[in-house]
């Protein structure tokens, strides 16, 4: 009996630990959206969580990791629900990461926009700071300036189907732009 007890206990502990690291998309969604005020359905929240692919770390302050192999590099994520084009459907920004996931920038930004089929699609998913929303628009959506390390900042423009790299703004021209921070636009 003793020779089977130790492996069984070890397997049970490993299973419990694995469960903390690899929670379901529903558990990730619950953690992601716990402080966000949205009218998204549970299915929509789960859809976004699945596309992000985060796993749970069990750490209260840094609850996410990029995948099960990067659990030693936990991070937090912040949801910014907005209605960029004023159509009544929420666009969801997700700011997350650390230097492991995002290099020198230290964070990444994803923007989920619902397509014509009703599915949320990630329009960014790359290293960057929370965007500034510019006063200029194209096809109903504002241009977005994504900060990061360096002396130039990319501006992303909506082309009718997705946000694409449009131009860059030099550091010395940044203060001349008419812009609003994403934090100010987020639905609270």
N, C-alpha and C. Protein backbone atom coordinates (compact mmCIF):
# COMPACT_ATOMS: atom_id res chain seq x y z
N UNK A 1 0.83 -1.20 0.00
CA UNK A 1 0.00 0.00 0.00
C UNK A 1 0.86 1.25 0.00
N UNK A 2 1.96 1.27 0.84
CA UNK A 2 2.82 2.45 0.92
C UNK A 2 3.48 2.75 -0.41
N UNK A 3 3.87 1.69 -1.16
CA UNK A 3 4.59 1.95 -2.40
C UNK A 3 3.68 2.61 -3.45
N UNK A 4 2.36 2.49 -3.33
CA UNK A 4 1.44 3.14 -4.25
C UNK A 4 0.97 4.50 -3.75
N UNK A 5 1.07 4.72 -2.46
CA UNK A 5 0.58 5.96 -1.86
C UNK A 5 1.41 7.16 -2.29
N UNK A 6 2.73 7.05 -2.25
CA UNK A 6 3.60 8.18 -2.59
C UNK A 6 3.40 8.63 -4.05
N UNK A 7 3.42 7.72 -5.03
CA UNK A 7 3.17 8.18 -6.40
C UNK A 7 1.77 8.78 -6.59
N UNK A 8 0.79 8.23 -5.87
CA UNK A 8 -0.57 8.76 -5.98
C UNK A 8 -0.64 10.17 -5.43
N UNK A 9 0.00 10.43 -4.29
CA UNK A 9 0.03 11.77 -3.70
C UNK A 9 0.78 12.72 -4.62
N UNK A 10 1.90 12.28 -5.18
CA UNK A 10 2.68 13.13 -6.10
C UNK A 10 1.85 13.48 -7.33
N UNK A 11 1.15 12.49 -7.88
CA UNK A 11 0.30 12.74 -9.04
C UNK A 11 -0.84 13.71 -8.71
N UNK A 12 -1.44 13.55 -7.55
CA UNK A 12 -2.51 14.44 -7.12
C UNK A 12 -1.99 15.87 -6.98
N UNK A 13 -0.84 16.05 -6.36
CA UNK A 13 -0.25 17.40 -6.20
C UNK A 13 0.07 18.00 -7.57
N UNK A 14 0.63 17.21 -8.46
CA UNK A 14 0.95 17.70 -9.80
C UNK A 14 -0.32 18.10 -10.54
N UNK A 15 -1.37 17.31 -10.39
CA UNK A 15 -2.63 17.62 -11.05
C UNK A 15 -3.23 18.91 -10.51
N UNK A 16 -3.18 19.11 -9.21
CA UNK A 16 -3.70 20.35 -8.62
C UNK A 16 -2.89 21.53 -9.09
N UNK A 17 -1.57 21.40 -9.10
CA UNK A 17 -0.71 22.48 -9.57
C UNK A 17 -0.96 22.77 -11.05
N UNK A 18 -1.08 21.72 -11.86
CA UNK A 18 -1.33 21.88 -13.28
C UNK A 18 -2.65 22.61 -13.51
N UNK A 19 -3.65 22.30 -12.70
CA UNK A 19 -4.95 22.95 -12.83
C UNK A 19 -4.86 24.44 -12.57
N UNK A 20 -4.00 24.85 -11.62
CA UNK A 20 -3.83 26.27 -11.36
C UNK A 20 -3.16 26.96 -12.55
N UNK A 21 -2.21 26.29 -13.17
CA UNK A 21 -1.45 26.90 -14.26
C UNK A 21 -2.25 26.91 -15.57
N UNK A 22 -3.13 25.97 -15.75
CA UNK A 22 -3.82 25.83 -17.02
C UNK A 22 -5.33 25.86 -16.81
N UNK A 23 -5.83 26.94 -16.31
CA UNK A 23 -7.25 27.05 -16.08
C UNK A 23 -7.97 27.18 -17.42
N UNK A 24 -9.24 27.00 -17.38
CA UNK A 24 -10.06 27.06 -18.59
C UNK A 24 -10.18 28.50 -19.10
N UNK A 25 -10.54 28.66 -20.38
CA UNK A 25 -10.80 30.01 -20.89
C UNK A 25 -11.85 30.76 -20.06
N UNK A 26 -12.82 30.04 -19.52
CA UNK A 26 -13.85 30.68 -18.70
C UNK A 26 -13.24 31.26 -17.42
N UNK A 27 -12.30 30.54 -16.82
CA UNK A 27 -11.63 31.04 -15.62
C UNK A 27 -10.74 32.23 -15.95
N UNK A 28 -10.03 32.16 -17.09
CA UNK A 28 -9.21 33.29 -17.53
C UNK A 28 -10.12 34.49 -17.79
N UNK A 29 -11.24 34.28 -18.48
CA UNK A 29 -12.18 35.37 -18.77
C UNK A 29 -12.70 36.00 -17.49
N UNK A 30 -13.02 35.17 -16.51
CA UNK A 30 -13.52 35.68 -15.24
C UNK A 30 -12.48 36.59 -14.57
N UNK A 31 -11.23 36.19 -14.59
CA UNK A 31 -10.16 37.02 -14.03
C UNK A 31 -9.94 38.28 -14.85
N UNK A 32 -9.94 38.14 -16.17
CA UNK A 32 -9.72 39.28 -17.06
C UNK A 32 -10.77 40.37 -16.88
N UNK A 33 -12.01 39.98 -16.84
CA UNK A 33 -13.12 40.92 -16.86
C UNK A 33 -13.68 41.25 -15.48
N UNK A 34 -13.03 40.79 -14.42
CA UNK A 34 -13.61 40.97 -13.08
C UNK A 34 -13.77 42.44 -12.69
N UNK A 35 -12.95 43.35 -13.19
CA UNK A 35 -13.07 44.77 -12.85
C UNK A 35 -13.55 45.62 -14.02
N UNK A 36 -13.93 45.00 -15.12
CA UNK A 36 -14.36 45.73 -16.31
C UNK A 36 -15.88 45.77 -16.39
N UNK A 37 -16.39 46.94 -16.68
CA UNK A 37 -17.84 47.08 -16.85
C UNK A 37 -18.16 46.98 -18.34
N UNK A 38 -18.72 45.85 -18.72
CA UNK A 38 -19.08 45.64 -20.13
C UNK A 38 -20.45 45.00 -20.20
N UNK A 39 -21.01 45.05 -21.39
CA UNK A 39 -22.26 44.32 -21.63
C UNK A 39 -21.99 43.06 -22.46
N UNK A 40 -20.73 42.61 -22.49
CA UNK A 40 -20.38 41.41 -23.22
C UNK A 40 -21.02 40.19 -22.57
N UNK A 41 -21.39 39.25 -23.40
CA UNK A 41 -21.93 38.00 -22.89
C UNK A 41 -20.77 37.16 -22.35
N UNK A 42 -21.11 36.15 -21.59
CA UNK A 42 -20.09 35.22 -21.10
C UNK A 42 -19.37 34.57 -22.28
N UNK A 43 -20.10 34.22 -23.32
CA UNK A 43 -19.49 33.59 -24.51
C UNK A 43 -18.50 34.54 -25.18
N UNK A 44 -18.82 35.84 -25.26
CA UNK A 44 -17.90 36.80 -25.87
C UNK A 44 -16.64 36.97 -25.02
N UNK A 45 -16.81 37.02 -23.71
CA UNK A 45 -15.64 37.10 -22.82
C UNK A 45 -14.77 35.87 -22.97
N UNK A 46 -15.39 34.70 -23.02
CA UNK A 46 -14.64 33.45 -23.20
C UNK A 46 -13.92 33.43 -24.55
N UNK A 47 -14.57 33.98 -25.58
CA UNK A 47 -13.98 34.03 -26.91
C UNK A 47 -12.68 34.86 -26.89
N UNK A 48 -12.74 36.02 -26.24
CA UNK A 48 -11.55 36.87 -26.15
C UNK A 48 -10.46 36.19 -25.32
N UNK A 49 -10.83 35.59 -24.21
CA UNK A 49 -9.86 34.89 -23.37
C UNK A 49 -9.20 33.75 -24.13
N UNK A 50 -9.97 33.02 -24.91
CA UNK A 50 -9.41 31.92 -25.70
C UNK A 50 -8.41 32.43 -26.72
N UNK A 51 -8.74 33.53 -27.39
CA UNK A 51 -7.84 34.08 -28.41
C UNK A 51 -6.55 34.62 -27.79
N UNK A 52 -6.64 35.16 -26.57
CA UNK A 52 -5.42 35.63 -25.91
C UNK A 52 -4.52 34.45 -25.52
N UNK A 53 -5.13 33.34 -25.13
CA UNK A 53 -4.37 32.15 -24.81
C UNK A 53 -3.65 32.17 -23.47
N UNK A 54 -3.99 33.10 -22.59
CA UNK A 54 -3.34 33.17 -21.29
C UNK A 54 -3.66 31.94 -20.46
N UNK A 55 -2.76 31.63 -19.53
CA UNK A 55 -3.02 30.61 -18.51
C UNK A 55 -2.97 31.29 -17.15
N UNK A 56 -3.58 30.67 -16.17
CA UNK A 56 -3.59 31.20 -14.81
C UNK A 56 -2.32 30.80 -14.07
N UNK A 57 -1.83 31.70 -13.22
CA UNK A 57 -0.64 31.41 -12.44
C UNK A 57 -0.96 31.05 -11.01
N UNK A 58 -2.15 31.41 -10.53
CA UNK A 58 -2.48 31.22 -9.13
C UNK A 58 -2.00 32.38 -8.27
N UNK A 59 -1.31 33.35 -8.88
CA UNK A 59 -0.81 34.54 -8.20
C UNK A 59 -1.90 35.61 -8.24
N UNK A 60 -2.32 36.09 -7.09
CA UNK A 60 -3.42 37.06 -7.01
C UNK A 60 -3.08 38.37 -7.72
N UNK A 61 -1.84 38.85 -7.56
CA UNK A 61 -1.46 40.14 -8.14
C UNK A 61 -1.05 40.04 -9.61
N UNK A 62 -0.47 38.91 -9.99
CA UNK A 62 -0.04 38.70 -11.37
C UNK A 62 -0.64 37.37 -11.84
N UNK A 63 -1.93 37.40 -12.19
CA UNK A 63 -2.66 36.14 -12.38
C UNK A 63 -2.44 35.40 -13.69
N UNK A 64 -1.71 35.99 -14.66
CA UNK A 64 -1.61 35.38 -15.97
C UNK A 64 -0.17 35.07 -16.37
N UNK A 65 -0.03 34.10 -17.25
CA UNK A 65 1.21 33.81 -17.95
C UNK A 65 0.86 33.60 -19.41
N UNK A 66 1.84 33.79 -20.27
CA UNK A 66 1.60 33.66 -21.71
C UNK A 66 1.21 32.23 -22.08
N UNK A 67 1.85 31.27 -21.44
CA UNK A 67 1.55 29.85 -21.69
C UNK A 67 2.09 29.05 -20.51
N UNK A 68 1.87 27.75 -20.52
CA UNK A 68 2.26 26.92 -19.37
C UNK A 68 3.76 26.89 -19.17
N UNK A 69 4.54 27.15 -20.21
CA UNK A 69 6.00 27.12 -20.10
C UNK A 69 6.58 28.42 -19.56
N UNK A 70 5.78 29.47 -19.47
CA UNK A 70 6.29 30.77 -19.00
C UNK A 70 5.70 31.17 -17.66
N UNK A 71 5.32 30.21 -16.84
CA UNK A 71 4.68 30.50 -15.56
C UNK A 71 5.59 31.28 -14.61
N UNK A 72 6.91 31.24 -14.85
CA UNK A 72 7.85 32.00 -14.01
C UNK A 72 7.87 33.49 -14.37
N UNK A 73 7.09 33.89 -15.37
CA UNK A 73 7.04 35.28 -15.82
C UNK A 73 5.59 35.77 -15.82
N UNK A 74 4.98 35.84 -14.65
CA UNK A 74 3.56 36.23 -14.58
C UNK A 74 3.36 37.72 -14.85
N UNK A 75 2.14 38.06 -15.21
CA UNK A 75 1.80 39.47 -15.47
C UNK A 75 0.33 39.71 -15.16
N UNK A 76 -0.03 40.96 -15.15
CA UNK A 76 -1.42 41.37 -14.98
C UNK A 76 -1.95 41.80 -16.36
N UNK A 77 -3.22 41.95 -16.48
CA UNK A 77 -3.85 42.44 -17.70
C UNK A 77 -4.96 43.40 -17.31
N UNK A 78 -5.14 44.44 -18.11
CA UNK A 78 -6.19 45.44 -17.86
C UNK A 78 -7.07 45.51 -19.11
N UNK A 79 -8.37 45.47 -18.87
CA UNK A 79 -9.36 45.58 -19.95
C UNK A 79 -9.84 47.02 -20.04
N UNK A 80 -9.85 47.54 -21.29
CA UNK A 80 -10.40 48.88 -21.55
C UNK A 80 -11.54 48.73 -22.56
N UNK A 81 -12.78 48.62 -22.08
CA UNK A 81 -13.91 48.57 -23.02
C UNK A 81 -14.19 49.97 -23.57
N UNK A 82 -14.33 50.08 -24.88
CA UNK A 82 -14.60 51.37 -25.52
C UNK A 82 -15.61 51.17 -26.64
N UNK A 83 -16.12 52.25 -27.13
CA UNK A 83 -16.94 52.22 -28.35
C UNK A 83 -16.30 53.22 -29.30
N UNK A 84 -15.24 52.81 -29.95
CA UNK A 84 -14.44 53.70 -30.78
C UNK A 84 -15.22 54.34 -31.91
N UNK A 85 -16.10 53.58 -32.55
CA UNK A 85 -16.83 54.09 -33.72
C UNK A 85 -18.27 54.49 -33.40
N UNK A 86 -18.63 54.49 -32.12
CA UNK A 86 -19.95 54.94 -31.66
C UNK A 86 -21.11 54.19 -32.30
N UNK A 87 -20.94 52.87 -32.47
CA UNK A 87 -22.01 52.06 -33.07
C UNK A 87 -22.78 51.25 -32.03
N UNK A 88 -22.45 51.40 -30.75
CA UNK A 88 -23.13 50.67 -29.71
C UNK A 88 -22.54 49.31 -29.40
N UNK A 89 -21.52 48.87 -30.18
CA UNK A 89 -20.84 47.60 -29.94
C UNK A 89 -19.47 47.90 -29.35
N UNK A 90 -19.14 47.20 -28.29
CA UNK A 90 -17.88 47.46 -27.61
C UNK A 90 -16.68 46.91 -28.36
N UNK A 91 -15.63 47.72 -28.39
CA UNK A 91 -14.31 47.26 -28.77
C UNK A 91 -13.55 47.06 -27.46
N UNK A 92 -12.75 46.02 -27.39
CA UNK A 92 -12.08 45.67 -26.14
C UNK A 92 -10.57 45.74 -26.32
N UNK A 93 -9.94 46.69 -25.63
CA UNK A 93 -8.48 46.74 -25.56
C UNK A 93 -8.04 45.90 -24.38
N UNK A 94 -6.95 45.15 -24.56
CA UNK A 94 -6.34 44.39 -23.47
C UNK A 94 -4.88 44.81 -23.41
N UNK A 95 -4.51 45.40 -22.30
CA UNK A 95 -3.12 45.81 -22.05
C UNK A 95 -2.53 44.79 -21.09
N UNK A 96 -1.39 44.20 -21.45
CA UNK A 96 -0.85 43.11 -20.64
C UNK A 96 0.65 42.95 -20.88
N UNK A 97 1.26 42.15 -20.04
CA UNK A 97 2.59 41.67 -20.33
C UNK A 97 3.68 42.13 -19.40
N UNK A 98 4.88 41.82 -19.82
CA UNK A 98 6.11 42.13 -19.10
C UNK A 98 7.26 42.02 -20.11
N UNK A 99 8.48 42.11 -19.66
CA UNK A 99 9.60 42.06 -20.61
C UNK A 99 9.74 40.68 -21.26
N UNK A 100 9.26 39.63 -20.60
CA UNK A 100 9.30 38.30 -21.21
C UNK A 100 8.36 38.22 -22.41
N UNK A 101 7.16 38.75 -22.27
CA UNK A 101 6.16 38.67 -23.34
C UNK A 101 6.32 39.79 -24.36
N UNK A 102 6.90 40.91 -23.94
CA UNK A 102 6.83 42.12 -24.76
C UNK A 102 8.17 42.82 -24.97
N UNK A 103 9.26 42.21 -24.60
CA UNK A 103 10.57 42.80 -24.85
C UNK A 103 10.78 44.10 -24.10
N UNK A 104 11.56 45.02 -24.71
CA UNK A 104 11.91 46.29 -24.07
C UNK A 104 10.71 47.17 -23.76
N UNK A 105 9.63 47.00 -24.49
CA UNK A 105 8.44 47.81 -24.25
C UNK A 105 7.84 47.47 -22.89
N UNK A 106 7.90 46.22 -22.49
CA UNK A 106 7.41 45.81 -21.18
C UNK A 106 5.92 45.55 -21.11
N UNK A 107 5.21 45.77 -22.21
CA UNK A 107 3.77 45.48 -22.24
C UNK A 107 3.35 45.30 -23.70
N UNK A 108 2.19 44.70 -23.86
CA UNK A 108 1.61 44.51 -25.20
C UNK A 108 0.18 45.01 -25.19
N UNK A 109 -0.34 45.24 -26.39
CA UNK A 109 -1.70 45.73 -26.52
C UNK A 109 -2.43 44.89 -27.58
N UNK A 110 -3.63 44.46 -27.24
CA UNK A 110 -4.51 43.79 -28.18
C UNK A 110 -5.79 44.60 -28.27
N UNK A 111 -6.40 44.61 -29.42
CA UNK A 111 -7.66 45.30 -29.63
C UNK A 111 -8.61 44.34 -30.33
N UNK A 112 -9.68 43.98 -29.63
CA UNK A 112 -10.66 43.07 -30.18
C UNK A 112 -11.85 43.87 -30.70
N UNK A 113 -12.13 43.67 -32.00
CA UNK A 113 -13.25 44.32 -32.67
C UNK A 113 -14.14 43.24 -33.25
N UNK A 114 -15.44 43.40 -33.05
CA UNK A 114 -16.41 42.41 -33.55
C UNK A 114 -16.55 42.58 -35.06
N UNK A 115 -16.38 41.49 -35.80
CA UNK A 115 -16.52 41.54 -37.26
C UNK A 115 -17.99 41.36 -37.66
N UNK A 116 -18.25 41.34 -38.97
CA UNK A 116 -19.62 41.24 -39.49
C UNK A 116 -20.30 39.93 -39.10
N UNK A 117 -19.52 38.91 -38.78
CA UNK A 117 -20.08 37.61 -38.38
C UNK A 117 -20.32 37.55 -36.88
N UNK A 118 -20.03 38.64 -36.15
CA UNK A 118 -20.26 38.68 -34.72
C UNK A 118 -19.16 38.05 -33.89
N UNK A 119 -17.98 37.89 -34.49
CA UNK A 119 -16.84 37.27 -33.82
C UNK A 119 -15.81 38.35 -33.50
N UNK A 120 -15.31 38.33 -32.27
CA UNK A 120 -14.25 39.28 -31.90
C UNK A 120 -12.92 38.85 -32.52
N UNK A 121 -12.27 39.78 -33.21
CA UNK A 121 -11.00 39.55 -33.89
C UNK A 121 -9.96 40.47 -33.28
N UNK A 122 -8.76 39.93 -33.01
CA UNK A 122 -7.67 40.73 -32.47
C UNK A 122 -7.02 41.53 -33.59
N UNK A 123 -7.01 42.84 -33.46
CA UNK A 123 -6.45 43.72 -34.47
C UNK A 123 -5.05 44.20 -34.15
N UNK A 124 -4.49 43.77 -33.06
CA UNK A 124 -3.13 44.21 -32.74
C UNK A 124 -2.34 43.02 -32.21
N UNK A 125 -2.21 42.90 -30.91
CA UNK A 125 -1.50 41.76 -30.35
C UNK A 125 0.01 41.86 -30.50
N UNK A 126 0.56 43.04 -30.22
CA UNK A 126 2.00 43.23 -30.31
C UNK A 126 2.48 44.13 -29.17
N UNK A 127 3.80 44.19 -28.94
CA UNK A 127 4.31 45.05 -27.87
C UNK A 127 3.95 46.51 -28.10
N UNK A 128 3.50 47.17 -27.04
CA UNK A 128 3.16 48.58 -27.10
C UNK A 128 2.53 49.03 -25.80
N UNK A 129 2.48 50.33 -25.62
CA UNK A 129 1.84 50.92 -24.46
C UNK A 129 0.37 51.14 -24.77
N UNK A 130 -0.41 51.55 -23.76
CA UNK A 130 -1.82 51.83 -24.04
C UNK A 130 -1.88 52.96 -25.07
N UNK A 131 -2.72 52.82 -26.06
CA UNK A 131 -2.75 53.79 -27.16
C UNK A 131 -3.31 55.14 -26.77
N UNK A 132 -2.90 56.12 -27.54
CA UNK A 132 -3.56 57.42 -27.54
C UNK A 132 -4.53 57.37 -28.71
N UNK A 133 -5.74 57.84 -28.50
CA UNK A 133 -6.76 57.87 -29.54
C UNK A 133 -6.70 59.26 -30.17
N UNK A 134 -6.37 59.31 -31.45
CA UNK A 134 -6.19 60.58 -32.14
C UNK A 134 -7.53 61.13 -32.63
N UNK A 135 -7.56 62.43 -32.88
CA UNK A 135 -8.79 63.08 -33.37
C UNK A 135 -9.07 62.72 -34.82
N UNK A 136 -8.05 62.29 -35.56
CA UNK A 136 -8.24 61.91 -36.97
C UNK A 136 -8.91 60.55 -37.04
N UNK A 137 -9.79 60.39 -38.04
CA UNK A 137 -10.52 59.13 -38.20
C UNK A 137 -10.45 58.65 -39.65
N UNK A 138 -10.77 57.40 -39.85
CA UNK A 138 -10.89 56.82 -41.18
C UNK A 138 -11.96 55.73 -41.13
N UNK A 139 -12.94 55.83 -41.99
CA UNK A 139 -14.01 54.84 -42.08
C UNK A 139 -14.69 54.59 -40.74
N UNK A 140 -14.84 55.67 -39.96
CA UNK A 140 -15.59 55.60 -38.71
C UNK A 140 -14.79 55.32 -37.45
N UNK A 141 -13.54 54.89 -37.59
CA UNK A 141 -12.71 54.58 -36.42
C UNK A 141 -11.58 55.60 -36.30
N UNK A 142 -11.22 55.97 -35.07
CA UNK A 142 -10.11 56.91 -34.88
C UNK A 142 -8.76 56.25 -35.13
N UNK A 143 -7.80 57.07 -35.52
CA UNK A 143 -6.42 56.59 -35.61
C UNK A 143 -5.90 56.36 -34.20
N UNK A 144 -4.99 55.41 -34.06
CA UNK A 144 -4.42 55.07 -32.75
C UNK A 144 -2.91 55.21 -32.80
N UNK A 145 -2.35 55.91 -31.83
CA UNK A 145 -0.91 56.05 -31.70
C UNK A 145 -0.46 55.12 -30.59
N UNK A 146 0.43 54.20 -30.93
CA UNK A 146 0.89 53.20 -29.97
C UNK A 146 2.30 53.56 -29.53
N UNK A 147 2.46 53.91 -28.26
CA UNK A 147 3.78 54.27 -27.73
C UNK A 147 4.62 53.05 -27.44
N UNK A 148 5.90 53.32 -27.23
CA UNK A 148 6.86 52.28 -26.90
C UNK A 148 8.24 52.90 -26.85
N UNK A 149 9.28 52.08 -26.72
CA UNK A 149 10.63 52.64 -26.67
C UNK A 149 11.01 53.21 -28.03
N UNK A 150 11.83 54.23 -28.03
CA UNK A 150 12.29 54.80 -29.28
C UNK A 150 11.88 56.25 -29.44
N UNK A 151 12.21 56.80 -30.58
CA UNK A 151 11.98 58.21 -30.86
C UNK A 151 10.85 58.44 -31.86
N UNK A 152 10.25 57.36 -32.35
CA UNK A 152 9.12 57.47 -33.27
C UNK A 152 8.03 56.50 -32.81
N UNK A 153 6.78 56.90 -33.08
CA UNK A 153 5.64 56.11 -32.63
C UNK A 153 4.75 55.79 -33.81
N UNK A 154 4.34 54.53 -33.96
CA UNK A 154 3.47 54.18 -35.07
C UNK A 154 2.04 54.65 -34.85
N UNK A 155 1.43 55.07 -35.93
CA UNK A 155 0.01 55.40 -35.94
C UNK A 155 -0.68 54.31 -36.75
N UNK A 156 -1.73 53.75 -36.17
CA UNK A 156 -2.49 52.69 -36.81
C UNK A 156 -3.82 53.25 -37.28
N UNK A 157 -4.23 52.88 -38.50
CA UNK A 157 -5.46 53.41 -39.10
C UNK A 157 -6.36 52.26 -39.53
N UNK A 158 -7.65 52.45 -39.31
CA UNK A 158 -8.67 51.48 -39.71
C UNK A 158 -8.84 51.55 -41.22
N UNK A 159 -8.78 50.40 -41.91
CA UNK A 159 -8.93 50.38 -43.37
C UNK A 159 -10.30 49.85 -43.80
N UNK A 160 -11.20 49.66 -42.84
CA UNK A 160 -12.52 49.12 -43.13
C UNK A 160 -12.68 47.68 -42.68
N UNK A 161 -11.53 47.00 -42.47
CA UNK A 161 -11.56 45.61 -42.01
C UNK A 161 -10.64 45.37 -40.83
N UNK A 162 -9.57 46.16 -40.74
CA UNK A 162 -8.58 45.95 -39.67
C UNK A 162 -7.76 47.23 -39.48
N UNK A 163 -7.14 47.34 -38.33
CA UNK A 163 -6.17 48.41 -38.11
C UNK A 163 -4.85 48.00 -38.75
N UNK A 164 -4.26 48.92 -39.53
CA UNK A 164 -2.98 48.67 -40.20
C UNK A 164 -2.03 49.82 -39.89
N UNK A 165 -0.74 49.53 -40.01
CA UNK A 165 0.28 50.55 -39.79
C UNK A 165 0.12 51.64 -40.85
N UNK A 166 -0.04 52.88 -40.42
CA UNK A 166 -0.34 54.00 -41.33
C UNK A 166 0.85 54.92 -41.52
N UNK A 167 1.45 55.36 -40.42
CA UNK A 167 2.59 56.27 -40.49
C UNK A 167 3.27 56.28 -39.12
N UNK A 168 4.35 57.04 -39.02
CA UNK A 168 5.00 57.21 -37.73
C UNK A 168 5.02 58.69 -37.37
N UNK A 169 5.05 58.94 -36.08
CA UNK A 169 5.12 60.30 -35.55
C UNK A 169 6.42 60.41 -34.77
N UNK A 170 7.18 61.44 -35.06
CA UNK A 170 8.43 61.67 -34.33
C UNK A 170 8.12 62.17 -32.92
N UNK A 171 9.01 61.88 -32.02
CA UNK A 171 8.86 62.27 -30.62
C UNK A 171 8.58 63.77 -30.47
N UNK A 172 9.27 64.59 -31.23
CA UNK A 172 9.09 66.05 -31.12
C UNK A 172 7.74 66.53 -31.63
N UNK A 173 7.04 65.72 -32.41
CA UNK A 173 5.72 66.08 -32.92
C UNK A 173 4.57 65.52 -32.07
N UNK A 174 4.89 64.68 -31.12
CA UNK A 174 3.87 64.01 -30.31
C UNK A 174 2.97 65.01 -29.59
N UNK A 175 3.54 66.01 -28.95
CA UNK A 175 2.75 66.97 -28.18
C UNK A 175 1.84 67.84 -29.04
N UNK A 176 2.10 67.92 -30.33
CA UNK A 176 1.30 68.73 -31.24
C UNK A 176 0.00 68.03 -31.65
N UNK A 177 -0.09 66.73 -31.41
CA UNK A 177 -1.26 65.97 -31.84
C UNK A 177 -2.45 66.19 -30.92
N UNK A 178 -3.64 66.23 -31.51
CA UNK A 178 -4.86 66.27 -30.72
C UNK A 178 -5.24 64.82 -30.42
N UNK A 179 -5.22 64.48 -29.12
CA UNK A 179 -5.40 63.09 -28.74
C UNK A 179 -6.08 62.97 -27.39
N UNK A 180 -6.60 61.77 -27.13
CA UNK A 180 -7.20 61.44 -25.85
C UNK A 180 -6.60 60.12 -25.40
N UNK A 181 -6.33 59.97 -24.12
CA UNK A 181 -5.78 58.71 -23.64
C UNK A 181 -6.87 57.64 -23.63
N UNK A 182 -6.47 56.43 -23.84
CA UNK A 182 -7.41 55.31 -23.84
C UNK A 182 -8.11 55.21 -22.49
N UNK A 183 -7.38 55.49 -21.41
CA UNK A 183 -7.97 55.42 -20.08
C UNK A 183 -9.17 56.37 -19.93
N UNK A 184 -9.07 57.55 -20.58
CA UNK A 184 -10.17 58.52 -20.52
C UNK A 184 -11.38 58.05 -21.32
N UNK A 185 -11.16 57.31 -22.41
CA UNK A 185 -12.27 56.86 -23.26
C UNK A 185 -12.94 55.58 -22.77
N UNK A 186 -12.23 54.84 -21.95
CA UNK A 186 -12.76 53.55 -21.50
C UNK A 186 -14.05 53.74 -20.73
N UNK A 187 -14.98 52.82 -20.95
CA UNK A 187 -16.27 52.84 -20.25
C UNK A 187 -16.03 52.39 -18.83
N UNK A 188 -16.49 53.21 -17.90
CA UNK A 188 -16.24 52.91 -16.49
C UNK A 188 -17.51 52.60 -15.76
